[in-house]
Amino acid sequence: MDAIYPFANIIHLILGIMFLGYVFSDVVLISALKNKFNKETTKEINQTLGAKSFKIFPLSLLVIILTGGMMMSRYMNSNVGFFETSLQKLLMLKIIFALIIACGVLFNLFIKFSGRQKPLFMQEHFHKVVLVLGFFIVVIAKWMFVA
């Protein structure tokens, strides 16, 4: 595991930046543009962005989770414990936040594939929740090695 840790770390960081960058641009920039156009144009914007993000968003999240799991095994396992150190406790908090995001993405995928109507909360607020959780994941990631 020690041999592939640096590669998993780089992939994890690059995809994390891309993932949160997309969410940030959607919440801050694209949502501001959507309010400037009529409903027809806004619908086209949503469909165009949705088609692209549907291909990238879930796959990048899957790789982020897989690489995070690989790196997690270095700090949490049966030999070193799971809640013994402050690093492990903070890592578990990061994992919980990441699982909330992953569950939301899985729910959205289920809704899309089943042809159901997406709940209003998921339409209007999910990316905001992801952005806030992602911010705390990044802060905790830095804090883990300081505390």
N, C-alpha and C. Protein backbone atom coordinates (compact mmCIF):
# COMPACT_ATOMS: atom_id res chain seq x y z
N MET A 1 0.82 -1.20 0.00
CA MET A 1 0.00 0.00 0.00
C MET A 1 0.86 1.26 0.00
N ASP A 2 1.98 1.21 0.70
CA ASP A 2 2.84 2.39 0.78
C ASP A 2 3.36 2.81 -0.59
N ALA A 3 3.52 1.85 -1.50
CA ALA A 3 4.04 2.17 -2.83
C ALA A 3 3.03 2.94 -3.67
N ILE A 4 1.75 2.64 -3.53
CA ILE A 4 0.74 3.31 -4.36
C ILE A 4 0.08 4.50 -3.66
N TYR A 5 0.39 4.71 -2.39
CA TYR A 5 -0.22 5.82 -1.64
C TYR A 5 -0.02 7.17 -2.33
N PRO A 6 1.20 7.52 -2.76
CA PRO A 6 1.37 8.84 -3.40
C PRO A 6 0.54 9.00 -4.67
N PHE A 7 0.39 7.93 -5.44
CA PHE A 7 -0.42 8.01 -6.66
C PHE A 7 -1.90 8.17 -6.33
N ALA A 8 -2.37 7.41 -5.35
CA ALA A 8 -3.77 7.54 -4.92
C ALA A 8 -4.02 8.95 -4.38
N ASN A 9 -3.05 9.49 -3.66
CA ASN A 9 -3.18 10.83 -3.09
C ASN A 9 -3.29 11.88 -4.20
N ILE A 10 -2.43 11.81 -5.20
CA ILE A 10 -2.47 12.79 -6.30
C ILE A 10 -3.78 12.69 -7.07
N ILE A 11 -4.19 11.48 -7.40
CA ILE A 11 -5.46 11.29 -8.13
C ILE A 11 -6.62 11.82 -7.30
N HIS A 12 -6.61 11.51 -6.02
CA HIS A 12 -7.66 11.96 -5.09
C HIS A 12 -7.73 13.48 -5.05
N LEU A 13 -6.58 14.13 -4.95
CA LEU A 13 -6.55 15.59 -4.87
C LEU A 13 -7.00 16.24 -6.18
N ILE A 14 -6.51 15.74 -7.30
CA ILE A 14 -6.87 16.33 -8.59
C ILE A 14 -8.37 16.19 -8.84
N LEU A 15 -8.90 15.00 -8.63
CA LEU A 15 -10.34 14.81 -8.86
C LEU A 15 -11.18 15.57 -7.84
N GLY A 16 -10.69 15.67 -6.61
CA GLY A 16 -11.40 16.46 -5.60
C GLY A 16 -11.49 17.92 -5.98
N ILE A 17 -10.39 18.45 -6.52
CA ILE A 17 -10.38 19.85 -6.98
C ILE A 17 -11.37 20.02 -8.12
N MET A 18 -11.35 19.10 -9.08
CA MET A 18 -12.27 19.19 -10.22
C MET A 18 -13.72 19.07 -9.76
N PHE A 19 -13.98 18.13 -8.88
CA PHE A 19 -15.33 17.89 -8.38
C PHE A 19 -15.88 19.12 -7.67
N LEU A 20 -15.12 19.63 -6.70
CA LEU A 20 -15.58 20.80 -5.96
C LEU A 20 -15.57 22.05 -6.82
N GLY A 21 -14.66 22.11 -7.78
CA GLY A 21 -14.63 23.24 -8.70
C GLY A 21 -15.88 23.31 -9.54
N TYR A 22 -16.34 22.15 -10.01
CA TYR A 22 -17.59 22.11 -10.77
C TYR A 22 -18.76 22.54 -9.89
N VAL A 23 -18.82 22.00 -8.69
CA VAL A 23 -19.93 22.33 -7.79
C VAL A 23 -19.90 23.82 -7.46
N PHE A 24 -18.71 24.36 -7.19
CA PHE A 24 -18.58 25.78 -6.91
C PHE A 24 -19.05 26.62 -8.09
N SER A 25 -18.62 26.26 -9.30
CA SER A 25 -19.02 27.04 -10.46
C SER A 25 -20.52 26.94 -10.69
N ASP A 26 -21.11 25.78 -10.39
CA ASP A 26 -22.56 25.64 -10.54
C ASP A 26 -23.30 26.50 -9.53
N VAL A 27 -22.88 26.44 -8.29
CA VAL A 27 -23.58 27.17 -7.22
C VAL A 27 -23.40 28.68 -7.37
N VAL A 28 -22.19 29.11 -7.67
CA VAL A 28 -21.90 30.55 -7.65
C VAL A 28 -22.07 31.19 -9.02
N LEU A 29 -21.47 30.60 -10.05
CA LEU A 29 -21.44 31.27 -11.35
C LEU A 29 -22.63 30.91 -12.23
N ILE A 30 -22.86 29.64 -12.42
CA ILE A 30 -23.90 29.21 -13.36
C ILE A 30 -25.29 29.57 -12.85
N SER A 31 -25.51 29.47 -11.54
CA SER A 31 -26.82 29.84 -11.00
C SER A 31 -27.10 31.32 -11.21
N ALA A 32 -26.07 32.15 -11.18
CA ALA A 32 -26.26 33.58 -11.44
C ALA A 32 -26.65 33.81 -12.90
N LEU A 33 -26.08 33.02 -13.80
CA LEU A 33 -26.43 33.14 -15.22
C LEU A 33 -27.86 32.68 -15.49
N LYS A 34 -28.27 31.63 -14.80
CA LYS A 34 -29.62 31.08 -15.02
C LYS A 34 -30.70 32.10 -14.71
N ASN A 35 -30.44 32.98 -13.77
CA ASN A 35 -31.43 33.99 -13.40
C ASN A 35 -31.52 35.13 -14.41
N LYS A 36 -30.58 35.20 -15.34
CA LYS A 36 -30.54 36.27 -16.33
C LYS A 36 -31.32 35.93 -17.60
N PHE A 37 -31.69 34.66 -17.76
CA PHE A 37 -32.33 34.22 -19.00
C PHE A 37 -33.78 33.80 -18.76
N ASN A 38 -34.54 33.67 -19.86
CA ASN A 38 -35.92 33.21 -19.74
C ASN A 38 -35.95 31.72 -19.43
N LYS A 39 -37.13 31.19 -19.16
CA LYS A 39 -37.28 29.80 -18.75
C LYS A 39 -36.81 28.81 -19.82
N GLU A 40 -37.06 29.13 -21.07
CA GLU A 40 -36.65 28.24 -22.18
C GLU A 40 -35.12 28.12 -22.23
N THR A 41 -34.45 29.24 -22.17
CA THR A 41 -32.98 29.23 -22.21
C THR A 41 -32.42 28.57 -20.96
N THR A 42 -33.01 28.84 -19.82
CA THR A 42 -32.57 28.22 -18.57
C THR A 42 -32.70 26.71 -18.64
N LYS A 43 -33.79 26.23 -19.24
CA LYS A 43 -33.99 24.79 -19.40
C LYS A 43 -32.91 24.19 -20.30
N GLU A 44 -32.56 24.89 -21.37
CA GLU A 44 -31.49 24.42 -22.25
C GLU A 44 -30.14 24.40 -21.53
N ILE A 45 -29.88 25.41 -20.73
CA ILE A 45 -28.63 25.46 -19.95
C ILE A 45 -28.57 24.26 -19.01
N ASN A 46 -29.67 24.02 -18.30
CA ASN A 46 -29.72 22.89 -17.37
C ASN A 46 -29.51 21.56 -18.07
N GLN A 47 -30.14 21.37 -19.22
CA GLN A 47 -30.01 20.11 -19.95
C GLN A 47 -28.59 19.92 -20.48
N THR A 48 -27.99 20.99 -21.00
CA THR A 48 -26.63 20.90 -21.53
C THR A 48 -25.63 20.58 -20.42
N LEU A 49 -25.72 21.32 -19.34
CA LEU A 49 -24.80 21.08 -18.21
C LEU A 49 -25.08 19.73 -17.55
N GLY A 50 -26.35 19.38 -17.45
CA GLY A 50 -26.72 18.10 -16.84
C GLY A 50 -26.18 16.92 -17.62
N ALA A 51 -26.21 17.00 -18.94
CA ALA A 51 -25.70 15.90 -19.77
C ALA A 51 -24.20 15.72 -19.57
N LYS A 52 -23.47 16.81 -19.50
CA LYS A 52 -22.01 16.73 -19.29
C LYS A 52 -21.69 16.29 -17.88
N SER A 53 -22.34 16.90 -16.90
CA SER A 53 -22.01 16.58 -15.52
C SER A 53 -22.43 15.17 -15.15
N PHE A 54 -23.47 14.65 -15.79
CA PHE A 54 -23.92 13.28 -15.51
C PHE A 54 -22.84 12.26 -15.88
N LYS A 55 -22.04 12.58 -16.88
CA LYS A 55 -20.97 11.67 -17.30
C LYS A 55 -19.75 11.79 -16.40
N ILE A 56 -19.49 12.98 -15.87
CA ILE A 56 -18.26 13.23 -15.12
C ILE A 56 -18.46 13.11 -13.61
N PHE A 57 -19.53 13.68 -13.10
CA PHE A 57 -19.79 13.80 -11.67
C PHE A 57 -19.76 12.45 -10.93
N PRO A 58 -20.58 11.47 -11.31
CA PRO A 58 -20.59 10.20 -10.57
C PRO A 58 -19.29 9.42 -10.70
N LEU A 59 -18.69 9.42 -11.88
CA LEU A 59 -17.46 8.67 -12.09
C LEU A 59 -16.31 9.27 -11.29
N SER A 60 -16.20 10.59 -11.29
CA SER A 60 -15.13 11.21 -10.52
C SER A 60 -15.35 10.97 -9.02
N LEU A 61 -16.59 11.02 -8.57
CA LEU A 61 -16.87 10.76 -7.16
C LEU A 61 -16.50 9.32 -6.80
N LEU A 62 -16.79 8.38 -7.69
CA LEU A 62 -16.43 6.99 -7.44
C LEU A 62 -14.91 6.84 -7.27
N VAL A 63 -14.14 7.46 -8.15
CA VAL A 63 -12.69 7.37 -8.05
C VAL A 63 -12.19 8.08 -6.79
N ILE A 64 -12.81 9.20 -6.44
CA ILE A 64 -12.44 9.90 -5.20
C ILE A 64 -12.68 8.99 -4.00
N ILE A 65 -13.79 8.31 -3.98
CA ILE A 65 -14.10 7.42 -2.86
C ILE A 65 -13.14 6.23 -2.83
N LEU A 66 -12.85 5.66 -3.99
CA LEU A 66 -11.92 4.52 -4.04
C LEU A 66 -10.51 4.92 -3.59
N THR A 67 -10.01 6.03 -4.10
CA THR A 67 -8.67 6.46 -3.69
C THR A 67 -8.66 6.88 -2.22
N GLY A 68 -9.75 7.50 -1.76
CA GLY A 68 -9.85 7.85 -0.34
C GLY A 68 -9.84 6.61 0.54
N GLY A 69 -10.53 5.57 0.08
CA GLY A 69 -10.53 4.31 0.83
C GLY A 69 -9.15 3.68 0.88
N MET A 70 -8.43 3.77 -0.24
CA MET A 70 -7.07 3.24 -0.26
C MET A 70 -6.19 3.98 0.74
N MET A 71 -6.31 5.29 0.75
CA MET A 71 -5.49 6.08 1.67
C MET A 71 -5.94 5.90 3.11
N MET A 72 -7.24 5.74 3.32
CA MET A 72 -7.78 5.56 4.66
C MET A 72 -7.19 4.32 5.32
N SER A 73 -6.96 3.28 4.53
CA SER A 73 -6.47 2.03 5.10
C SER A 73 -5.10 2.18 5.75
N ARG A 74 -4.40 3.25 5.41
CA ARG A 74 -3.10 3.52 6.04
C ARG A 74 -3.28 4.00 7.48
N TYR A 75 -4.36 4.71 7.75
CA TYR A 75 -4.55 5.35 9.05
C TYR A 75 -5.59 4.66 9.93
N MET A 76 -6.45 3.85 9.32
CA MET A 76 -7.49 3.15 10.08
C MET A 76 -7.51 1.69 9.63
N ASN A 77 -7.16 0.81 10.53
CA ASN A 77 -7.23 -0.63 10.24
C ASN A 77 -7.19 -1.39 11.56
N SER A 78 -7.23 -2.70 11.46
CA SER A 78 -7.29 -3.51 12.68
C SER A 78 -6.01 -3.43 13.50
N ASN A 79 -4.91 -3.06 12.89
CA ASN A 79 -3.64 -2.95 13.63
C ASN A 79 -3.53 -1.64 14.41
N VAL A 80 -3.94 -0.54 13.81
CA VAL A 80 -3.77 0.77 14.47
C VAL A 80 -5.05 1.26 15.11
N GLY A 81 -6.18 0.62 14.86
CA GLY A 81 -7.44 1.01 15.46
C GLY A 81 -8.25 1.90 14.55
N PHE A 82 -9.40 2.35 15.08
CA PHE A 82 -10.32 3.15 14.28
C PHE A 82 -10.65 4.49 14.93
N PHE A 83 -10.67 4.56 16.25
CA PHE A 83 -10.99 5.80 16.96
C PHE A 83 -9.96 6.10 18.04
N GLU A 84 -8.73 5.69 17.82
CA GLU A 84 -7.70 5.82 18.85
C GLU A 84 -7.09 7.22 18.90
N THR A 85 -6.91 7.84 17.76
CA THR A 85 -6.23 9.14 17.70
C THR A 85 -7.19 10.21 17.19
N SER A 86 -6.77 11.47 17.36
CA SER A 86 -7.59 12.56 16.84
C SER A 86 -7.62 12.52 15.31
N LEU A 87 -6.54 12.09 14.68
CA LEU A 87 -6.53 11.95 13.23
C LEU A 87 -7.61 10.97 12.77
N GLN A 88 -7.73 9.85 13.45
CA GLN A 88 -8.74 8.85 13.08
C GLN A 88 -10.15 9.38 13.30
N LYS A 89 -10.36 10.13 14.35
CA LYS A 89 -11.70 10.69 14.60
C LYS A 89 -12.07 11.72 13.53
N LEU A 90 -11.11 12.57 13.17
CA LEU A 90 -11.37 13.54 12.11
C LEU A 90 -11.57 12.85 10.76
N LEU A 91 -10.79 11.81 10.52
CA LEU A 91 -10.95 11.04 9.28
C LEU A 91 -12.33 10.41 9.20
N MET A 92 -12.83 9.92 10.32
CA MET A 92 -14.17 9.35 10.33
C MET A 92 -15.23 10.41 10.04
N LEU A 93 -15.03 11.62 10.53
CA LEU A 93 -15.95 12.71 10.22
C LEU A 93 -15.93 13.03 8.72
N LYS A 94 -14.73 13.04 8.14
CA LYS A 94 -14.61 13.23 6.70
C LYS A 94 -15.34 12.14 5.94
N ILE A 95 -15.22 10.92 6.39
CA ILE A 95 -15.87 9.78 5.73
C ILE A 95 -17.39 9.94 5.80
N ILE A 96 -17.90 10.37 6.93
CA ILE A 96 -19.35 10.58 7.07
C ILE A 96 -19.82 11.66 6.10
N PHE A 97 -19.10 12.77 6.01
CA PHE A 97 -19.47 13.83 5.07
C PHE A 97 -19.43 13.31 3.63
N ALA A 98 -18.39 12.54 3.30
CA ALA A 98 -18.27 11.99 1.95
C ALA A 98 -19.40 11.01 1.65
N LEU A 99 -19.80 10.24 2.64
CA LEU A 99 -20.91 9.30 2.45
C LEU A 99 -22.24 10.02 2.23
N ILE A 100 -22.42 11.16 2.88
CA ILE A 100 -23.64 11.96 2.65
C ILE A 100 -23.67 12.42 1.20
N ILE A 101 -22.54 12.90 0.70
CA ILE A 101 -22.47 13.32 -0.70
C ILE A 101 -22.72 12.13 -1.62
N ALA A 102 -22.08 11.01 -1.34
CA ALA A 102 -22.23 9.83 -2.19
C ALA A 102 -23.68 9.33 -2.19
N CYS A 103 -24.33 9.35 -1.05
CA CYS A 103 -25.74 8.94 -1.00
C CYS A 103 -26.62 9.87 -1.82
N GLY A 104 -26.34 11.16 -1.76
CA GLY A 104 -27.09 12.12 -2.57
C GLY A 104 -26.91 11.89 -4.05
N VAL A 105 -25.67 11.61 -4.46
CA VAL A 105 -25.40 11.32 -5.88
C VAL A 105 -26.09 10.02 -6.30
N LEU A 106 -26.01 9.01 -5.46
CA LEU A 106 -26.70 7.74 -5.77
C LEU A 106 -28.20 7.94 -5.87
N PHE A 107 -28.76 8.75 -4.99
CA PHE A 107 -30.19 9.06 -5.04
C PHE A 107 -30.53 9.75 -6.36
N ASN A 108 -29.72 10.74 -6.75
CA ASN A 108 -29.96 11.43 -8.01
C ASN A 108 -29.84 10.50 -9.21
N LEU A 109 -28.89 9.57 -9.16
CA LEU A 109 -28.76 8.59 -10.25
C LEU A 109 -29.99 7.68 -10.30
N PHE A 110 -30.46 7.26 -9.14
CA PHE A 110 -31.66 6.43 -9.08
C PHE A 110 -32.85 7.17 -9.68
N ILE A 111 -33.02 8.43 -9.31
CA ILE A 111 -34.12 9.25 -9.83
C ILE A 111 -34.02 9.37 -11.35
N LYS A 112 -32.81 9.61 -11.85
CA LYS A 112 -32.63 9.77 -13.29
C LYS A 112 -32.95 8.49 -14.04
N PHE A 113 -32.43 7.36 -13.56
CA PHE A 113 -32.64 6.10 -14.26
C PHE A 113 -34.07 5.56 -14.11
N SER A 114 -34.73 5.91 -13.02
CA SER A 114 -36.10 5.43 -12.83
C SER A 114 -37.12 6.35 -13.50
N GLY A 115 -36.67 7.50 -14.00
CA GLY A 115 -37.56 8.41 -14.70
C GLY A 115 -38.49 9.20 -13.80
N ARG A 116 -38.18 9.25 -12.54
CA ARG A 116 -39.02 9.99 -11.60
C ARG A 116 -38.64 11.47 -11.58
N GLN A 117 -39.48 12.24 -10.96
CA GLN A 117 -39.24 13.68 -10.80
C GLN A 117 -38.31 13.89 -9.60
N LYS A 118 -37.28 14.67 -9.80
CA LYS A 118 -36.34 14.95 -8.73
C LYS A 118 -37.01 15.86 -7.70
N PRO A 119 -36.88 15.55 -6.41
CA PRO A 119 -37.45 16.41 -5.37
C PRO A 119 -36.90 17.83 -5.46
N LEU A 120 -37.70 18.78 -5.08
CA LEU A 120 -37.33 20.20 -5.17
C LEU A 120 -36.04 20.49 -4.40
N PHE A 121 -35.89 19.89 -3.22
CA PHE A 121 -34.68 20.12 -2.43
C PHE A 121 -33.44 19.70 -3.21
N MET A 122 -33.50 18.54 -3.85
CA MET A 122 -32.35 18.05 -4.60
C MET A 122 -32.09 18.93 -5.82
N GLN A 123 -33.13 19.45 -6.43
CA GLN A 123 -32.96 20.32 -7.60
C GLN A 123 -32.30 21.63 -7.22
N GLU A 124 -32.73 22.21 -6.13
CA GLU A 124 -32.31 23.56 -5.80
C GLU A 124 -31.19 23.67 -4.78
N HIS A 125 -31.00 22.63 -3.96
CA HIS A 125 -30.07 22.81 -2.84
C HIS A 125 -28.98 21.76 -2.73
N PHE A 126 -29.03 20.68 -3.49
CA PHE A 126 -28.05 19.61 -3.30
C PHE A 126 -26.62 20.09 -3.54
N HIS A 127 -26.40 20.85 -4.59
CA HIS A 127 -25.04 21.32 -4.86
C HIS A 127 -24.55 22.27 -3.77
N LYS A 128 -25.45 23.01 -3.15
CA LYS A 128 -25.05 23.87 -2.03
C LYS A 128 -24.60 23.02 -0.85
N VAL A 129 -25.34 21.95 -0.59
CA VAL A 129 -24.97 21.03 0.49
C VAL A 129 -23.62 20.39 0.19
N VAL A 130 -23.43 19.96 -1.06
CA VAL A 130 -22.16 19.34 -1.46
C VAL A 130 -21.02 20.34 -1.30
N LEU A 131 -21.24 21.58 -1.66
CA LEU A 131 -20.20 22.61 -1.54
C LEU A 131 -19.82 22.83 -0.08
N VAL A 132 -20.79 22.91 0.80
CA VAL A 132 -20.51 23.12 2.22
C VAL A 132 -19.80 21.90 2.80
N LEU A 133 -20.31 20.70 2.51
CA LEU A 133 -19.66 19.49 3.02
C LEU A 133 -18.25 19.35 2.44
N GLY A 134 -18.10 19.65 1.16
CA GLY A 134 -16.78 19.60 0.53
C GLY A 134 -15.80 20.57 1.16
N PHE A 135 -16.28 21.77 1.49
CA PHE A 135 -15.43 22.74 2.18
C PHE A 135 -14.95 22.17 3.51
N PHE A 136 -15.87 21.58 4.28
CA PHE A 136 -15.47 21.02 5.57
C PHE A 136 -14.56 19.81 5.41
N ILE A 137 -14.76 19.02 4.37
CA ILE A 137 -13.87 17.89 4.10
C ILE A 137 -12.45 18.39 3.86
N VAL A 138 -12.31 19.45 3.08
CA VAL A 138 -10.98 20.01 2.79
C VAL A 138 -10.34 20.57 4.07
N VAL A 139 -11.11 21.30 4.85
CA VAL A 139 -10.58 21.88 6.09
C VAL A 139 -10.17 20.76 7.06
N ILE A 140 -11.01 19.76 7.19
CA ILE A 140 -10.70 18.64 8.09
C ILE A 140 -9.46 17.89 7.60
N ALA A 141 -9.31 17.74 6.27
CA ALA A 141 -8.15 17.05 5.73
C ALA A 141 -6.86 17.74 6.14
N LYS A 142 -6.88 19.05 6.15
CA LYS A 142 -5.69 19.79 6.58
C LYS A 142 -5.53 19.72 8.10
N TRP A 143 -6.64 19.81 8.80
CA TRP A 143 -6.64 19.81 10.26
C TRP A 143 -6.19 18.46 10.83
N MET A 144 -6.46 17.38 10.09
CA MET A 144 -6.10 16.04 10.58
C MET A 144 -4.62 15.92 10.90
N PHE A 145 -3.79 16.55 10.09
CA PHE A 145 -2.34 16.38 10.27
C PHE A 145 -1.72 17.47 11.13
N VAL A 146 -2.57 18.39 11.62
CA VAL A 146 -2.11 19.43 12.52
C VAL A 146 -2.50 19.09 13.95
N ALA A 147 -3.72 18.57 14.12
CA ALA A 147 -4.25 18.28 15.46
C ALA A 147 -3.56 17.09 16.11
